[in-house]
Amino acid sequence: MAKPQTPKPTPAELGLLRTLWQLGPSSVRQVHEAQQRERPDLAHASVLRLMQVMHGKGLLRRDESRRSHVYAAAQPQGSLQKRLLDELIHKAFAGSGKDLVLAALRGDRVSDAEREEIQRFLEETRDE
């Protein structure tokens, strides 16, 4: 039987996941302090409640063996990003990865340094 897929995170949940991927397993206090650098008005209680909801949805794992519970992302960053990207390609670009890449490269979303990095990647993978 296939394992049920965890739900897609909301934008707020995704922001919290990015913090946890950066910090590694962390207490609510540690996540709150890291989040406050970008959002000084964010209340500790809001972070706690969101993390509890995310645990209930299966987005976070919780270690209750310590006095302060330690939370960790239930999925590695790359795995969740791939799933979200696959969904975006399917829904917005009719399954075309090429169309996604071309849309991303148009305009000013990609810096010159990023374009150079992409070009190096393409050249390296061409030789493989």
Protein backbone atom coordinates (compact mmCIF):
# COMPACT_ATOMS: atom_id res chain seq x y z
CA MET A 1 0.00 0.00 0.00
CA ALA A 2 1.35 3.44 -0.94
CA LYS A 3 2.28 5.84 1.84
CA PRO A 4 -0.11 8.82 1.91
CA GLN A 5 1.50 12.03 0.72
CA THR A 6 1.85 14.87 3.22
CA PRO A 7 -0.27 17.91 2.41
CA LYS A 8 1.11 20.88 0.51
CA PRO A 9 2.38 23.52 2.97
CA THR A 10 0.83 26.98 3.08
CA PRO A 11 3.17 29.96 2.44
CA ALA A 12 3.56 30.50 6.21
CA GLU A 13 4.33 26.81 6.73
CA LEU A 14 6.85 26.85 3.90
CA GLY A 15 8.61 29.80 5.54
CA LEU A 16 8.84 27.87 8.78
CA LEU A 17 10.11 24.78 6.95
CA ARG A 18 12.86 26.87 5.31
CA THR A 19 13.94 27.99 8.79
CA LEU A 20 13.97 24.41 10.08
CA TRP A 21 15.92 23.16 7.06
CA GLN A 22 18.49 25.87 7.76
CA LEU A 23 18.68 25.31 11.53
CA GLY A 24 18.09 21.58 11.70
CA PRO A 25 16.01 20.08 14.53
CA SER A 26 15.03 22.98 16.79
CA SER A 27 12.82 24.07 19.64
CA VAL A 28 9.97 26.51 19.12
CA ARG A 29 12.07 29.18 20.83
CA GLN A 30 14.95 28.69 18.38
CA VAL A 31 12.62 28.84 15.38
CA HIS A 32 10.87 31.92 16.77
CA GLU A 33 14.20 33.73 17.29
CA ALA A 34 15.31 32.91 13.73
CA GLN A 35 11.96 34.00 12.27
CA GLN A 36 12.01 37.26 14.23
CA ARG A 37 15.00 38.46 12.22
CA GLU A 38 12.68 38.79 9.22
CA ARG A 39 9.42 39.36 11.09
CA PRO A 40 10.06 41.24 14.37
CA ASP A 41 6.32 41.41 15.14
CA LEU A 42 5.90 37.61 15.09
CA ALA A 43 4.67 36.28 18.43
CA HIS A 44 6.11 33.15 20.05
CA ALA A 45 2.59 31.80 20.49
CA SER A 46 1.96 32.09 16.74
CA VAL A 47 5.08 30.06 15.92
CA LEU A 48 4.12 27.47 18.54
CA ARG A 49 0.59 27.11 17.20
CA LEU A 50 1.75 26.88 13.58
CA MET A 51 4.33 24.23 14.47
CA GLN A 52 1.69 22.22 16.35
CA VAL A 53 -0.64 22.40 13.33
CA MET A 54 2.20 21.40 11.01
CA HIS A 55 3.00 18.43 13.25
CA GLY A 56 -0.65 17.37 13.11
CA LYS A 57 -0.60 17.59 9.30
CA GLY A 58 2.55 15.47 9.11
CA LEU A 59 4.82 18.28 7.90
CA LEU A 60 6.94 18.17 11.08
CA ARG A 61 8.26 15.44 13.35
CA ARG A 62 8.39 16.15 17.09
CA ASP A 63 10.80 14.73 19.66
CA GLU A 64 9.02 14.84 23.01
CA SER A 65 11.84 13.22 25.00
CA ARG A 66 13.16 16.58 26.21
CA ARG A 67 11.48 19.26 28.29
CA SER A 68 11.32 21.56 25.26
CA HIS A 69 9.99 19.63 22.31
CA VAL A 70 12.30 19.56 19.31
CA TYR A 71 10.77 19.79 15.85
CA ALA A 72 12.24 18.75 12.51
CA ALA A 73 10.94 18.82 8.95
CA ALA A 74 9.29 15.52 8.05
CA GLN A 75 10.65 15.71 4.49
CA PRO A 76 14.06 16.76 3.23
CA GLN A 77 14.09 20.16 1.52
CA GLY A 78 14.92 18.74 -1.91
CA SER A 79 12.16 16.15 -1.75
CA LEU A 80 9.43 18.66 -0.90
CA GLN A 81 10.71 21.21 -3.42
CA LYS A 82 10.71 18.55 -6.15
CA ARG A 83 7.12 17.60 -5.33
CA LEU A 84 5.98 21.25 -5.36
CA LEU A 85 7.89 21.90 -8.59
CA ASP A 86 6.38 18.83 -10.26
CA GLU A 87 2.92 20.08 -9.26
CA LEU A 88 3.66 23.57 -10.61
CA ILE A 89 4.98 22.20 -13.92
CA HIS A 90 1.91 20.01 -14.30
CA LYS A 91 -0.64 22.69 -13.37
CA ALA A 92 0.84 25.89 -14.80
CA PHE A 93 2.98 24.65 -17.70
CA ALA A 94 1.00 21.63 -18.99
CA GLY A 95 3.81 19.32 -17.91
CA SER A 96 6.54 21.16 -19.84
CA GLY A 97 9.72 21.68 -17.85
CA LYS A 98 11.14 23.63 -20.80
CA ASP A 99 8.30 26.16 -20.60
CA LEU A 100 8.89 26.57 -16.86
CA VAL A 101 12.61 27.21 -17.37
CA LEU A 102 12.02 29.67 -20.21
CA ALA A 103 9.43 31.55 -18.14
CA ALA A 104 11.85 31.73 -15.21
CA LEU A 105 14.69 33.02 -17.39
CA ARG A 106 12.62 35.78 -19.00
CA GLY A 107 12.70 39.22 -17.46
CA ASP A 108 14.78 40.24 -14.48
CA ARG A 109 14.08 37.32 -12.12
CA VAL A 110 17.52 35.80 -12.74
CA SER A 111 20.68 37.79 -12.06
CA ASP A 112 23.68 37.78 -14.38
CA ALA A 113 25.61 35.68 -11.83
CA GLU A 114 22.77 33.16 -11.70
CA ARG A 115 22.67 33.01 -15.51
CA GLU A 116 26.41 32.27 -15.55
CA GLU A 117 25.91 29.51 -12.96
CA ILE A 118 23.07 28.03 -15.04
CA GLN A 119 25.27 28.17 -18.15
CA ARG A 120 28.11 26.34 -16.34
CA PHE A 121 25.63 23.71 -15.14
CA LEU A 122 24.34 23.16 -18.69
CA GLU A 123 27.86 22.86 -20.06
CA GLU A 124 28.90 20.39 -17.32
CA THR A 125 25.85 18.19 -17.81
CA ARG A 126 26.24 18.19 -21.60
CA ASP A 127 29.54 16.29 -21.17
CA GLU A 128 28.04 13.62 -18.90
